[in-house]
């Protein structure tokens, strides 16, 4: 019973998913750094993207969540396409940075995205951060710069 309760928490908690995201982002940087050693970084990005597409299609098919797209509105399509374009640009830049630099220095600069998300979220999405939240954002920025330059 206890295992079922904790499994339920893990499946519903944004924090659990965010921590897993951080773990997989770290593994992505390490695996990509090794993976781009003998190949063009853009070609490596293409191979990675193909793998992601296959895995996601299989996951959606296996869970019965692969659906017809007719019910998806134009605004949703627009922002999903924009997100896809931004993701593609991110991957191309990230893999190029990993090809040229050390993973331990590239990854912290990549995490400046946290700072940018906070600023953009407040400016354009109406989100709010407390003073303590902004202090954390400032520390993230300072930490990323210190690691990258240190």
Protein backbone atom coordinates (compact mmCIF):
# COMPACT_ATOMS: atom_id res chain seq x y z
CA UNK A 1 0.00 0.00 0.00
CA UNK A 2 2.81 2.39 0.91
CA UNK A 3 4.63 1.76 -2.41
CA UNK A 4 1.40 2.49 -4.28
CA UNK A 5 0.99 5.82 -2.44
CA UNK A 6 4.53 6.91 -3.26
CA UNK A 7 4.12 5.78 -6.88
CA UNK A 8 0.99 7.92 -7.07
CA UNK A 9 2.92 10.89 -5.69
CA UNK A 10 5.70 10.36 -8.20
CA UNK A 11 3.31 10.17 -11.12
CA UNK A 12 1.51 13.38 -10.14
CA UNK A 13 4.26 15.57 -8.70
CA UNK A 14 5.78 18.28 -10.88
CA UNK A 15 8.83 18.14 -8.64
CA UNK A 16 9.44 14.45 -9.28
CA UNK A 17 9.19 15.02 -13.03
CA UNK A 18 11.41 18.12 -12.84
CA UNK A 19 14.08 16.17 -10.93
CA UNK A 20 13.94 13.39 -13.52
CA UNK A 21 14.21 16.06 -16.22
CA UNK A 22 17.38 17.41 -14.57
CA UNK A 23 18.83 13.90 -14.39
CA UNK A 24 18.12 13.21 -18.06
CA UNK A 25 19.40 16.65 -19.08
CA UNK A 26 22.68 15.85 -17.32
CA UNK A 27 22.88 12.47 -19.02
CA UNK A 28 22.07 14.14 -22.36
CA UNK A 29 25.07 16.46 -21.98
CA UNK A 30 27.44 13.64 -21.06
CA UNK A 31 26.22 11.21 -23.73
CA UNK A 32 26.15 13.96 -26.38
CA UNK A 33 29.67 15.12 -25.55
CA UNK A 34 30.97 11.60 -26.16
CA UNK A 35 28.65 11.10 -29.14
CA UNK A 36 29.77 14.17 -31.10
CA UNK A 37 33.48 13.35 -30.89
CA UNK A 38 33.73 11.67 -34.29
CA UNK A 39 30.80 13.21 -36.16
CA UNK A 40 29.45 16.55 -37.35
CA UNK A 41 27.34 18.03 -34.53
CA UNK A 42 24.40 18.79 -36.86
CA UNK A 43 24.34 15.18 -38.09
CA UNK A 44 24.48 14.01 -34.48
CA UNK A 45 21.45 16.22 -33.76
CA UNK A 46 19.57 14.61 -36.66
CA UNK A 47 20.28 11.09 -35.38
CA UNK A 48 19.21 12.07 -31.88
CA UNK A 49 16.00 13.62 -33.20
CA UNK A 50 15.13 10.46 -35.14
CA UNK A 51 15.61 8.36 -32.00
CA UNK A 52 13.38 10.72 -30.00
CA UNK A 53 10.65 10.59 -32.66
CA UNK A 54 10.67 6.79 -32.76
CA UNK A 55 10.65 6.43 -28.97
CA UNK A 56 7.83 8.96 -28.50
CA UNK A 57 5.71 7.40 -31.25
CA UNK A 58 6.17 3.96 -29.69
CA UNK A 59 5.35 5.29 -26.21
CA UNK A 60 2.19 7.05 -27.41
CA UNK A 61 1.08 3.99 -29.38
CA UNK A 62 1.74 1.66 -26.44
CA UNK A 63 -0.25 3.84 -24.02
CA UNK A 64 -3.12 4.48 -26.45
CA UNK A 65 -2.48 8.23 -26.49
CA UNK A 66 -1.72 8.52 -30.20
CA UNK A 67 -4.69 10.56 -31.39
CA UNK A 68 -6.07 12.15 -34.50
CA UNK A 69 -4.95 15.76 -34.76
CA UNK A 70 -8.24 17.12 -36.14
CA UNK A 71 -9.30 18.44 -32.72
CA UNK A 72 -6.19 20.55 -32.24
CA UNK A 73 -6.79 24.26 -32.77
CA UNK A 74 -4.68 26.64 -34.87
CA UNK A 75 -3.28 28.49 -31.84
CA UNK A 76 -2.10 25.22 -30.33
CA UNK A 77 -0.51 24.21 -33.65
CA UNK A 78 1.22 27.58 -33.95
CA UNK A 79 2.82 27.37 -30.53
CA UNK A 80 3.75 23.69 -30.92
CA UNK A 81 5.45 24.49 -34.23
CA UNK A 82 7.24 27.48 -32.66
CA UNK A 83 8.30 25.27 -29.74
CA UNK A 84 9.57 22.64 -32.17
CA UNK A 85 11.57 25.24 -34.09
CA UNK A 86 13.04 26.59 -30.86
CA UNK A 87 13.89 23.05 -29.72
CA UNK A 88 15.60 22.31 -33.03
CA UNK A 89 17.62 25.52 -32.80
CA UNK A 90 18.50 24.71 -29.17
CA UNK A 91 19.72 21.21 -30.06
CA UNK A 92 21.81 22.47 -32.97
CA UNK A 93 23.44 25.14 -30.80
CA UNK A 94 23.87 22.84 -27.80
CA UNK A 95 25.49 20.04 -29.78
CA UNK A 96 27.79 22.54 -31.51
CA UNK A 97 28.76 23.99 -28.12
CA UNK A 98 29.43 20.47 -26.78
CA UNK A 99 31.54 19.67 -29.82
CA UNK A 100 33.67 22.78 -29.21
CA UNK A 101 33.69 23.02 -25.41
CA UNK A 102 33.74 21.03 -22.20
CA UNK A 103 30.40 19.60 -21.05
CA UNK A 104 31.04 20.90 -17.51
CA UNK A 105 31.26 24.45 -18.90
CA UNK A 106 28.62 24.24 -21.65
CA UNK A 107 25.84 22.85 -19.44
CA UNK A 108 25.88 25.68 -16.87
CA UNK A 109 25.59 28.29 -19.62
CA UNK A 110 22.69 26.29 -21.07
CA UNK A 111 21.04 26.54 -17.65
CA UNK A 112 20.86 30.30 -18.07
CA UNK A 113 17.64 29.29 -19.81
CA UNK A 114 16.18 29.10 -16.29
CA UNK A 115 16.91 32.81 -15.87
CA UNK A 116 15.43 33.63 -19.27
CA UNK A 117 12.30 31.56 -18.58
CA UNK A 118 11.75 33.47 -15.33
CA UNK A 119 12.11 36.84 -17.05
CA UNK A 120 9.94 35.88 -20.03
CA UNK A 121 7.37 34.16 -17.82
CA UNK A 122 6.96 37.30 -15.74
CA UNK A 123 7.04 39.70 -18.70
CA UNK A 124 4.75 37.84 -21.09
CA UNK A 125 2.82 35.17 -19.18
CA UNK A 126 1.89 37.19 -16.11
CA UNK A 127 3.70 34.85 -13.75
CA UNK A 128 5.03 36.12 -10.43
CA UNK A 129 8.16 35.43 -8.43
CA UNK A 130 8.77 36.39 -4.83
CA UNK A 131 11.85 38.31 -3.74
CA UNK A 132 13.31 34.99 -2.63
CA UNK A 133 12.50 33.56 -6.07
CA UNK A 134 14.33 36.42 -7.81
CA UNK A 135 17.27 35.93 -5.45
CA UNK A 136 17.39 32.28 -6.53
CA UNK A 137 17.30 33.32 -10.19
CA UNK A 138 20.20 35.72 -9.56
CA UNK A 139 22.17 32.92 -7.86
CA UNK A 140 21.53 30.60 -10.80
CA UNK A 141 22.84 33.26 -13.18
CA UNK A 142 25.89 33.97 -11.03
CA UNK A 143 26.58 30.26 -10.54
CA UNK A 144 26.35 29.50 -14.27
CA UNK A 145 28.78 32.30 -15.07
CA UNK A 146 31.19 31.26 -12.30
CA UNK A 147 31.27 27.62 -13.45
CA UNK A 148 31.61 28.53 -17.12
CA UNK A 149 34.41 31.02 -16.57
CA UNK A 150 36.12 29.23 -13.70
